[in-house]
Amino acid sequence: MGKLLFWLALVALAFLAMKLAAISQRKREAAQREGAAPGAQPTGARSGASARRAGELAGEMMVQCEHCGVFLPASDAFVDGGHSFCDRAHRDAHRARQPRR
């Protein structure tokens, strides 16, 4: 009977150790996703991913290239006459197709 209790206790301790290791791993991965160093304590000031989770999500307006239809961030687009393009070549191709006034 004593051997049985010993093995049951050993299995329970092994299971507990595995659970604690899994929890620790999840915390490390969450800290890395937030940009914090592993093992670092969170600070009172929020920045980056933690601020976005706490409130609104940050993002950038996406626009579509008039020539090929690809979507890209508005800050990367070439804008000409109210039209957005993914590169200069597509902007120039669009200009060439437009009738001269």
C-alpha atoms as a PDB file:
ATOM      1  CA  MET A   1       0.000   0.000   0.000  1.00  0.00           C
ATOM      2  CA  GLY A   2       2.882   2.353   0.782  1.00  0.00           C
ATOM      3  CA  LYS A   3       4.411   1.813  -2.668  1.00  0.00           C
ATOM      4  CA  LEU A   4       1.088   2.653  -4.328  1.00  0.00           C
ATOM      5  CA  LEU A   5       0.789   5.934  -2.422  1.00  0.00           C
ATOM      6  CA  PHE A   6       4.381   6.782  -3.293  1.00  0.00           C
ATOM      7  CA  TRP A   7       3.763   6.284  -7.023  1.00  0.00           C
ATOM      8  CA  LEU A   8       0.492   8.225  -6.925  1.00  0.00           C
ATOM      9  CA  ALA A   9       2.239  11.126  -5.195  1.00  0.00           C
ATOM     10  CA  LEU A  10       5.088  10.980  -7.731  1.00  0.00           C
ATOM     11  CA  VAL A  11       2.657  11.065 -10.673  1.00  0.00           C
ATOM     12  CA  ALA A  12       0.749  13.973  -9.089  1.00  0.00           C
ATOM     13  CA  LEU A  13       3.986  15.941  -8.609  1.00  0.00           C
ATOM     14  CA  ALA A  14       5.053  15.266 -12.199  1.00  0.00           C
ATOM     15  CA  PHE A  15       1.657  16.437 -13.466  1.00  0.00           C
ATOM     16  CA  LEU A  16       1.892  19.588 -11.337  1.00  0.00           C
ATOM     17  CA  ALA A  17       5.407  20.316 -12.630  1.00  0.00           C
ATOM     18  CA  MET A  18       4.233  19.979 -16.239  1.00  0.00           C
ATOM     19  CA  LYS A  19       1.313  22.352 -15.621  1.00  0.00           C
ATOM     20  CA  LEU A  20       3.576  24.954 -14.008  1.00  0.00           C
ATOM     21  CA  ALA A  21       6.038  24.695 -16.903  1.00  0.00           C
ATOM     22  CA  ALA A  22       3.217  25.234 -19.424  1.00  0.00           C
ATOM     23  CA  ILE A  23       1.946  28.301 -17.550  1.00  0.00           C
ATOM     24  CA  SER A  24       5.465  29.740 -17.392  1.00  0.00           C
ATOM     25  CA  GLN A  25       5.939  29.160 -21.137  1.00  0.00           C
ATOM     26  CA  ARG A  26       2.656  30.950 -21.962  1.00  0.00           C
ATOM     27  CA  LYS A  27       3.705  33.932 -19.844  1.00  0.00           C
ATOM     28  CA  ARG A  28       7.091  34.119 -21.603  1.00  0.00           C
ATOM     29  CA  GLU A  29       5.441  33.992 -25.027  1.00  0.00           C
ATOM     30  CA  ALA A  30       2.970  36.721 -24.052  1.00  0.00           C
ATOM     31  CA  ALA A  31       5.816  38.917 -22.808  1.00  0.00           C
ATOM     32  CA  GLN A  32       7.704  38.424 -26.084  1.00  0.00           C
ATOM     33  CA  ARG A  33       4.626  39.324 -28.136  1.00  0.00           C
ATOM     34  CA  GLU A  34       4.291  42.547 -26.131  1.00  0.00           C
ATOM     35  CA  GLY A  35       7.920  43.401 -26.791  1.00  0.00           C
ATOM     36  CA  ALA A  36       9.049  43.019 -23.195  1.00  0.00           C
ATOM     37  CA  ALA A  37      12.178  41.148 -22.218  1.00  0.00           C
ATOM     38  CA  PRO A  38      11.539  37.652 -20.837  1.00  0.00           C
ATOM     39  CA  GLY A  39      11.246  37.800 -17.066  1.00  0.00           C
ATOM     40  CA  ALA A  40      10.707  41.568 -17.032  1.00  0.00           C
ATOM     41  CA  GLN A  41       8.102  42.928 -14.670  1.00  0.00           C
ATOM     42  CA  PRO A  42       5.295  44.974 -16.255  1.00  0.00           C
ATOM     43  CA  THR A  43       5.477  48.711 -15.647  1.00  0.00           C
ATOM     44  CA  GLY A  44       2.644  51.099 -14.833  1.00  0.00           C
ATOM     45  CA  ALA A  45       2.880  52.943 -18.156  1.00  0.00           C
ATOM     46  CA  ARG A  46       1.210  51.199 -21.043  1.00  0.00           C
ATOM     47  CA  SER A  47       2.681  51.220 -24.517  1.00  0.00           C
ATOM     48  CA  GLY A  48       2.594  49.143 -27.670  1.00  0.00           C
ATOM     49  CA  ALA A  49       0.519  45.990 -27.765  1.00  0.00           C
ATOM     50  CA  SER A  50      -0.711  46.239 -24.175  1.00  0.00           C
ATOM     51  CA  ALA A  51      -2.141  49.715 -24.839  1.00  0.00           C
ATOM     52  CA  ARG A  52      -3.927  48.450 -27.952  1.00  0.00           C
ATOM     53  CA  ARG A  53      -5.403  45.524 -26.030  1.00  0.00           C
ATOM     54  CA  ALA A  54      -6.604  47.792 -23.257  1.00  0.00           C
ATOM     55  CA  GLY A  55      -8.390  50.227 -25.555  1.00  0.00           C
ATOM     56  CA  GLU A  56      -8.768  50.753 -29.230  1.00  0.00           C
ATOM     57  CA  LEU A  57      -6.842  48.931 -31.912  1.00  0.00           C
ATOM     58  CA  ALA A  58      -4.329  50.995 -33.834  1.00  0.00           C
ATOM     59  CA  GLY A  59      -4.137  50.644 -37.592  1.00  0.00           C
ATOM     60  CA  GLU A  60      -3.591  52.462 -40.827  1.00  0.00           C
ATOM     61  CA  MET A  61      -5.975  53.190 -43.657  1.00  0.00           C
ATOM     62  CA  MET A  62      -5.561  50.822 -46.599  1.00  0.00           C
ATOM     63  CA  VAL A  63      -5.996  51.967 -50.201  1.00  0.00           C
ATOM     64  CA  GLN A  64      -6.294  50.028 -53.431  1.00  0.00           C
ATOM     65  CA  CYS A  65      -3.986  50.494 -56.417  1.00  0.00           C
ATOM     66  CA  GLU A  66      -6.016  51.750 -59.384  1.00  0.00           C
ATOM     67  CA  HIS A  67      -3.824  49.770 -61.801  1.00  0.00           C
ATOM     68  CA  CYS A  68      -3.441  46.280 -60.290  1.00  0.00           C
ATOM     69  CA  GLY A  69      -5.946  46.286 -57.402  1.00  0.00           C
ATOM     70  CA  VAL A  70      -3.519  45.392 -54.631  1.00  0.00           C
ATOM     71  CA  PHE A  71      -4.233  46.885 -51.199  1.00  0.00           C
ATOM     72  CA  LEU A  72      -1.467  48.784 -49.423  1.00  0.00           C
ATOM     73  CA  PRO A  73      -1.081  51.217 -46.511  1.00  0.00           C
ATOM     74  CA  ALA A  74      -2.021  54.778 -47.451  1.00  0.00           C
ATOM     75  CA  SER A  75       1.389  56.016 -46.287  1.00  0.00           C
ATOM     76  CA  ASP A  76       3.105  53.805 -48.903  1.00  0.00           C
ATOM     77  CA  ALA A  77       0.817  54.757 -51.803  1.00  0.00           C
ATOM     78  CA  PHE A  78       1.631  57.117 -54.656  1.00  0.00           C
ATOM     79  CA  VAL A  79      -1.351  59.476 -55.001  1.00  0.00           C
ATOM     80  CA  ASP A  80      -2.118  61.263 -58.253  1.00  0.00           C
ATOM     81  CA  GLY A  81      -5.357  63.091 -58.988  1.00  0.00           C
ATOM     82  CA  GLY A  82      -7.271  61.361 -56.222  1.00  0.00           C
ATOM     83  CA  HIS A  83      -6.116  57.891 -57.342  1.00  0.00           C
ATOM     84  CA  SER A  84      -3.767  55.670 -55.335  1.00  0.00           C
ATOM     85  CA  PHE A  85      -1.031  53.476 -56.839  1.00  0.00           C
ATOM     86  CA  CYS A  86       1.385  50.913 -55.401  1.00  0.00           C
ATOM     87  CA  ASP A  87       4.389  52.217 -57.365  1.00  0.00           C
ATOM     88  CA  ARG A  88       5.474  54.876 -59.848  1.00  0.00           C
ATOM     89  CA  ALA A  89       5.220  52.536 -62.837  1.00  0.00           C
ATOM     90  CA  HIS A  90       1.528  51.913 -62.184  1.00  0.00           C
ATOM     91  CA  ARG A  91       0.928  55.634 -61.685  1.00  0.00           C
ATOM     92  CA  ASP A  92       2.668  56.374 -65.002  1.00  0.00           C
ATOM     93  CA  ALA A  93       0.728  53.600 -66.785  1.00  0.00           C
ATOM     94  CA  HIS A  94      -2.527  55.087 -65.498  1.00  0.00           C
ATOM     95  CA  ARG A  95      -1.480  58.550 -66.693  1.00  0.00           C
ATOM     96  CA  ALA A  96      -0.672  57.145 -70.147  1.00  0.00           C
ATOM     97  CA  ARG A  97      -4.152  55.611 -70.458  1.00  0.00           C
ATOM     98  CA  GLN A  98      -5.905  58.859 -69.553  1.00  0.00           C
ATOM     99  CA  PRO A  99      -7.056  61.004 -72.488  1.00  0.00           C
ATOM    100  CA  ARG A 100      -5.166  64.269 -72.902  1.00  0.00           C
ATOM    101  CA  ARG A 101      -7.138  67.402 -72.085  1.00  0.00           C
END
